[in-house]
Protein backbone atom coordinates (compact mmCIF):
# COMPACT_ATOMS: atom_id res chain seq x y z
CA UNK A 1 66.32 76.33 232.18
CA UNK A 2 67.39 72.78 232.76
CA UNK A 3 65.05 71.61 230.34
CA UNK A 4 65.96 74.23 228.00
CA UNK A 5 69.47 73.09 228.87
CA UNK A 6 68.47 69.19 227.53
CA UNK A 7 66.95 70.11 224.64
CA UNK A 8 69.82 72.22 223.38
CA UNK A 9 72.47 69.01 224.15
CA UNK A 10 70.08 67.15 222.69
CA UNK A 11 70.00 69.03 219.12
CA UNK A 12 73.72 68.96 219.41
CA UNK A 13 74.01 65.13 218.67
CA UNK A 14 71.86 64.92 215.86
CA UNK A 15 73.15 64.55 212.30
CA UNK A 16 72.88 67.25 209.49
CA UNK A 17 69.40 65.43 208.02
CA UNK A 18 67.56 65.68 211.18
CA UNK A 19 66.34 68.80 212.55
CA UNK A 20 64.77 68.10 215.75
CA UNK A 21 63.62 65.17 217.84
CA UNK A 22 61.54 66.47 220.61
CA UNK A 23 58.12 66.86 219.63
CA UNK A 24 58.72 65.63 215.89
CA UNK A 25 61.72 64.24 213.97
CA UNK A 26 62.32 65.70 210.16
CA UNK A 27 64.56 64.53 207.70
CA UNK A 28 64.93 65.97 203.75
CA UNK A 29 67.32 63.85 201.43
CA UNK A 30 66.53 61.46 198.45
CA UNK A 31 64.11 58.15 198.22
CA UNK A 32 64.70 55.12 196.38
CA UNK A 33 62.03 52.65 195.08
CA UNK A 34 63.08 48.80 195.40
CA UNK A 35 60.55 47.77 198.11
CA UNK A 36 58.42 44.77 196.68
CA UNK A 37 55.46 45.46 198.65
CA UNK A 38 51.99 46.30 198.09
CA UNK A 39 50.48 49.29 199.66
CA UNK A 40 51.89 52.85 201.23
CA UNK A 41 55.00 51.17 203.48
CA UNK A 42 58.46 52.13 203.73
CA UNK A 43 62.16 51.06 204.99
CA UNK A 44 64.11 53.08 206.70
CA UNK A 45 67.36 53.31 209.28
CA UNK A 46 65.93 54.10 212.51
CA UNK A 47 62.20 55.42 212.90
CA UNK A 48 60.42 52.55 214.51
CA UNK A 49 58.93 49.29 212.60
CA UNK A 50 54.81 49.44 212.24
CA UNK A 51 55.17 53.40 213.06
CA UNK A 52 53.34 55.97 210.76
CA UNK A 53 55.60 58.39 208.94
CA UNK A 54 54.77 61.70 206.71
CA UNK A 55 56.40 61.53 203.26
CA UNK A 56 56.42 65.26 201.57
CA UNK A 57 57.51 65.77 197.86
CA UNK A 58 59.63 68.91 198.12
CA UNK A 59 58.76 69.90 194.49
CA UNK A 60 55.33 69.26 194.23
CA UNK A 61 54.35 69.73 197.99
CA UNK A 62 52.10 66.22 197.77
CA UNK A 63 52.26 64.41 200.58
CA UNK A 64 51.05 61.07 202.50
CA UNK A 65 51.66 58.73 205.27
CA UNK A 66 53.47 55.69 204.77
CA UNK A 67 53.95 52.74 207.26
CA UNK A 68 57.30 51.36 208.25
CA UNK A 69 57.58 47.71 207.68
CA UNK A 70 61.54 47.41 206.99
CA UNK A 71 64.79 48.90 207.17
CA UNK A 72 67.26 50.57 205.39
CA UNK A 73 71.12 51.04 205.56
CA UNK A 74 71.08 55.22 205.62
CA UNK A 75 73.53 56.69 203.89
CA UNK A 76 74.00 59.99 201.58
CA UNK A 77 72.49 59.07 198.79
CA UNK A 78 68.93 58.30 200.25
CA UNK A 79 67.17 58.30 203.52
CA UNK A 80 64.37 56.07 203.18
CA UNK A 81 63.05 53.73 200.81
CA UNK A 82 59.49 53.53 199.45
CA UNK A 83 57.13 50.96 197.86
CA UNK A 84 56.01 51.44 194.25
CA UNK A 85 52.18 52.80 195.34
CA UNK A 86 53.91 55.15 197.45
CA UNK A 87 56.46 56.54 195.10
CA UNK A 88 53.74 56.70 192.23
CA UNK A 89 51.19 58.56 194.48
CA UNK A 90 54.49 60.89 195.38
CA UNK A 91 55.28 61.24 191.60
CA UNK A 92 58.91 60.88 192.18
CA UNK A 93 61.86 60.70 189.95
CA UNK A 94 65.27 59.59 191.49
CA UNK A 95 65.85 63.44 191.46
CA UNK A 96 63.08 64.55 193.72
CA UNK A 97 64.17 65.64 197.31
CA UNK A 98 61.54 64.50 199.78
CA UNK A 99 60.84 65.79 203.65
CA UNK A 100 60.29 62.92 206.30
CA UNK A 101 58.18 63.86 209.24
CA UNK A 102 58.16 61.51 212.43
CA UNK A 103 56.03 62.77 215.70
CA UNK A 104 56.76 60.10 218.43
CA UNK A 105 53.21 58.63 220.45
CA UNK A 106 53.14 60.96 223.69
CA UNK A 107 54.68 59.29 226.57
CA UNK A 108 52.08 59.14 229.17
CA UNK A 109 52.34 60.93 232.07
CA UNK A 110 52.96 59.85 235.18
CA UNK A 111 50.54 59.67 238.81
CA UNK A 112 47.71 59.51 236.01
CA UNK A 113 45.12 57.99 237.70
CA UNK A 114 42.79 57.42 234.94
CA UNK A 115 44.57 56.64 231.45
CA UNK A 116 43.52 58.15 228.53
CA UNK A 117 41.64 56.27 226.11
CA UNK A 118 43.92 55.02 223.07
CA UNK A 119 42.35 57.30 219.69
CA UNK A 120 44.05 55.00 216.70
CA UNK A 121 45.61 57.38 213.66
CA UNK A 122 43.85 57.80 210.78
CA UNK A 123 44.71 54.61 208.19
CA UNK A 124 47.38 55.93 206.15
CA UNK A 125 44.94 54.63 202.96
CA UNK A 126 42.24 57.48 203.82
CA UNK A 127 44.49 60.01 203.78
CA UNK A 128 45.93 58.45 200.62
CA UNK A 129 42.30 58.31 199.05
CA UNK A 130 41.35 62.12 200.02
CA UNK A 131 45.07 63.44 198.33
CA UNK A 132 43.62 61.01 195.06
CA UNK A 133 40.49 62.91 195.14
CA UNK A 134 41.57 66.05 195.42
CA UNK A 135 44.36 65.28 192.07
CA UNK A 136 41.97 63.22 190.21
CA UNK A 137 38.63 63.99 190.13
CA UNK A 138 37.68 61.95 187.67
CA UNK A 139 36.97 58.64 190.39
CA UNK A 140 34.80 55.55 189.96
CA UNK A 141 32.47 56.64 192.09
CA UNK A 142 31.70 60.00 189.64
CA UNK A 143 31.98 58.05 186.30
CA UNK A 144 29.18 58.25 183.87
CA UNK A 145 28.20 54.89 182.82
CA UNK A 146 29.02 55.14 179.12
CA UNK A 147 32.65 56.94 180.04
CA UNK A 148 35.32 55.72 178.71
CA UNK A 149 37.99 54.30 180.24
CA UNK A 150 41.74 53.46 179.63
CA UNK A 151 43.44 50.85 180.89
CA UNK A 152 47.19 50.21 181.86
CA UNK A 153 47.90 46.79 183.04
CA UNK A 154 51.34 44.90 183.63
CA UNK A 155 51.91 41.49 184.98
CA UNK A 156 54.79 39.57 186.02
CA UNK A 157 53.87 35.71 184.42
CA UNK A 158 57.34 33.71 185.87
CA UNK A 159 55.23 31.23 187.60
CA UNK A 160 53.21 31.33 184.74
CA UNK A 161 52.73 28.22 182.00
CA UNK A 162 54.95 29.21 178.68
CA UNK A 163 53.15 31.85 176.92
CA UNK A 164 50.42 32.99 179.41
CA UNK A 165 48.33 35.48 177.99
CA UNK A 166 44.95 38.00 179.18
CA UNK A 167 41.83 36.55 178.33
CA UNK A 168 37.95 37.61 177.91
CA UNK A 169 38.31 40.32 176.12
CA UNK A 170 34.70 40.83 175.23
CA UNK A 171 33.55 44.71 174.97
CA UNK A 172 37.52 45.16 175.60
CA UNK A 173 39.53 47.27 172.67
CA UNK A 174 42.93 46.86 172.91
CA UNK A 175 45.12 49.54 172.23
CA UNK A 176 48.45 47.62 172.90
CA UNK A 177 50.02 44.61 173.86
CA UNK A 178 53.16 43.38 174.42
CA UNK A 179 54.63 40.05 176.02
CA UNK A 180 58.02 39.43 176.78
CA UNK A 181 59.34 35.99 175.92
CA UNK A 182 57.47 32.90 177.78
CA UNK A 183 57.36 33.75 181.38
CA UNK A 184 58.44 37.32 180.81
CA UNK A 185 56.06 40.30 181.49
CA UNK A 186 52.79 41.43 180.03
CA UNK A 187 51.54 45.02 179.33
CA UNK A 188 48.65 46.17 177.68
CA UNK A 189 46.49 48.92 177.06
CA UNK A 190 42.88 48.71 176.41
CA UNK A 191 39.70 50.86 176.61
CA UNK A 192 36.64 49.93 177.85
CA UNK A 193 33.03 51.78 177.73
CA UNK A 194 30.11 49.27 178.74
CA UNK A 195 28.52 50.43 182.06
CA UNK A 196 31.90 51.11 183.56
CA UNK A 197 34.84 49.19 183.39
CA UNK A 198 35.78 45.86 182.74
CA UNK A 199 38.86 43.91 182.93
CA UNK A 200 40.26 41.15 181.31
CA UNK A 201 40.65 37.30 182.99
CA UNK A 202 44.32 36.92 184.36
CA UNK A 203 46.99 34.05 183.80
CA UNK A 204 47.05 31.95 186.53
CA UNK A 205 49.66 32.49 189.03
CA UNK A 206 50.69 36.28 188.07
CA UNK A 207 51.12 38.86 189.76
CA UNK A 208 49.94 42.12 189.14
CA UNK A 209 52.66 45.20 189.16
CA UNK A 210 50.54 47.91 187.48
CA UNK A 211 47.01 48.39 186.87
CA UNK A 212 45.95 51.80 186.54
CA UNK A 213 42.52 53.11 185.16
CA UNK A 214 41.78 56.68 183.94
CA UNK A 215 39.55 58.71 181.70
CA UNK A 216 42.12 60.50 180.03
CA UNK A 217 44.70 58.22 178.18
CA UNK A 218 47.26 61.05 178.46
CA UNK A 219 47.81 59.99 181.63
CA UNK A 220 48.75 56.93 181.05
CA UNK A 221 50.89 58.27 178.16
CA UNK A 222 52.61 60.27 180.81
CA UNK A 223 53.34 57.39 183.21
CA UNK A 224 54.96 55.24 180.72
CA UNK A 225 57.02 57.76 180.02
CA UNK A 226 58.60 57.70 183.89
CA UNK A 227 61.64 55.80 185.90
CA UNK A 228 59.10 54.04 187.80
CA UNK A 229 57.35 52.21 184.86
CA UNK A 230 60.81 52.33 182.98
CA UNK A 231 61.88 49.98 186.11
CA UNK A 232 59.74 47.34 185.02
CA UNK A 233 60.11 47.64 181.14
CA UNK A 234 63.32 48.23 179.87
CA UNK A 235 62.66 47.93 176.56
CA UNK A 236 62.73 51.50 174.66
CA UNK A 237 61.24 50.36 171.67
CA UNK A 238 58.07 49.10 174.07
CA UNK A 239 58.04 52.21 175.36
CA UNK A 240 58.20 54.40 172.18
CA UNK A 241 55.44 52.19 170.51
CA UNK A 242 52.94 52.75 173.90
CA UNK A 243 53.70 56.39 173.59
CA UNK A 244 53.03 56.54 170.06
CA UNK A 245 49.99 54.14 170.28
CA UNK A 246 48.55 56.62 173.00
CA UNK A 247 48.60 59.36 171.47
């Protein structure tokens, strides 16, 4: 009875987003994509730094595990900020409602003579690879040697020499390329089909923002129309031209 009263009292102390803290904590709300971080990372208001949190797209039921690496101020507008890789893997938009599930590590039992061995949780990347295998069956491991591959490359050239460009385009068929100003971004769409994927030489000191490869160029066309891509490429004429070239 005493334990039941403690659980009931604890539940009354949480805000409307939090459903439970005993066992696991669940939150529902909007997400943003402002993190400049590679991999599956997130910023949260109070989940422990370094902890693993499950993020679910409630519209599609896709889910991934992310690592909490930094802090944000929670607000009614958002409950979490995600890295670009996590945002794209979940196929989120600014209006998508996400669900966060955090399960704290089990507390050690008192008076235990022998400590139980620590079993590390599965890395988030391994979990995401399983999801990608289900959603995107045409991954490199199962490609035919001569199968045509379509690439989308987006580079940040702010630290490059002016007018830096990609090089060594042998066996690459350019579908579209645009250089924004002297040291702005570079976006290129190309195909390759000679014994697997072919990659151009990147400009020195460039930073890869997007590097996508698929056997279905319609997948790139759809991604170019998303808010995640337009966060980098805001020029509507460039986006429209890319979509036309990918028809």
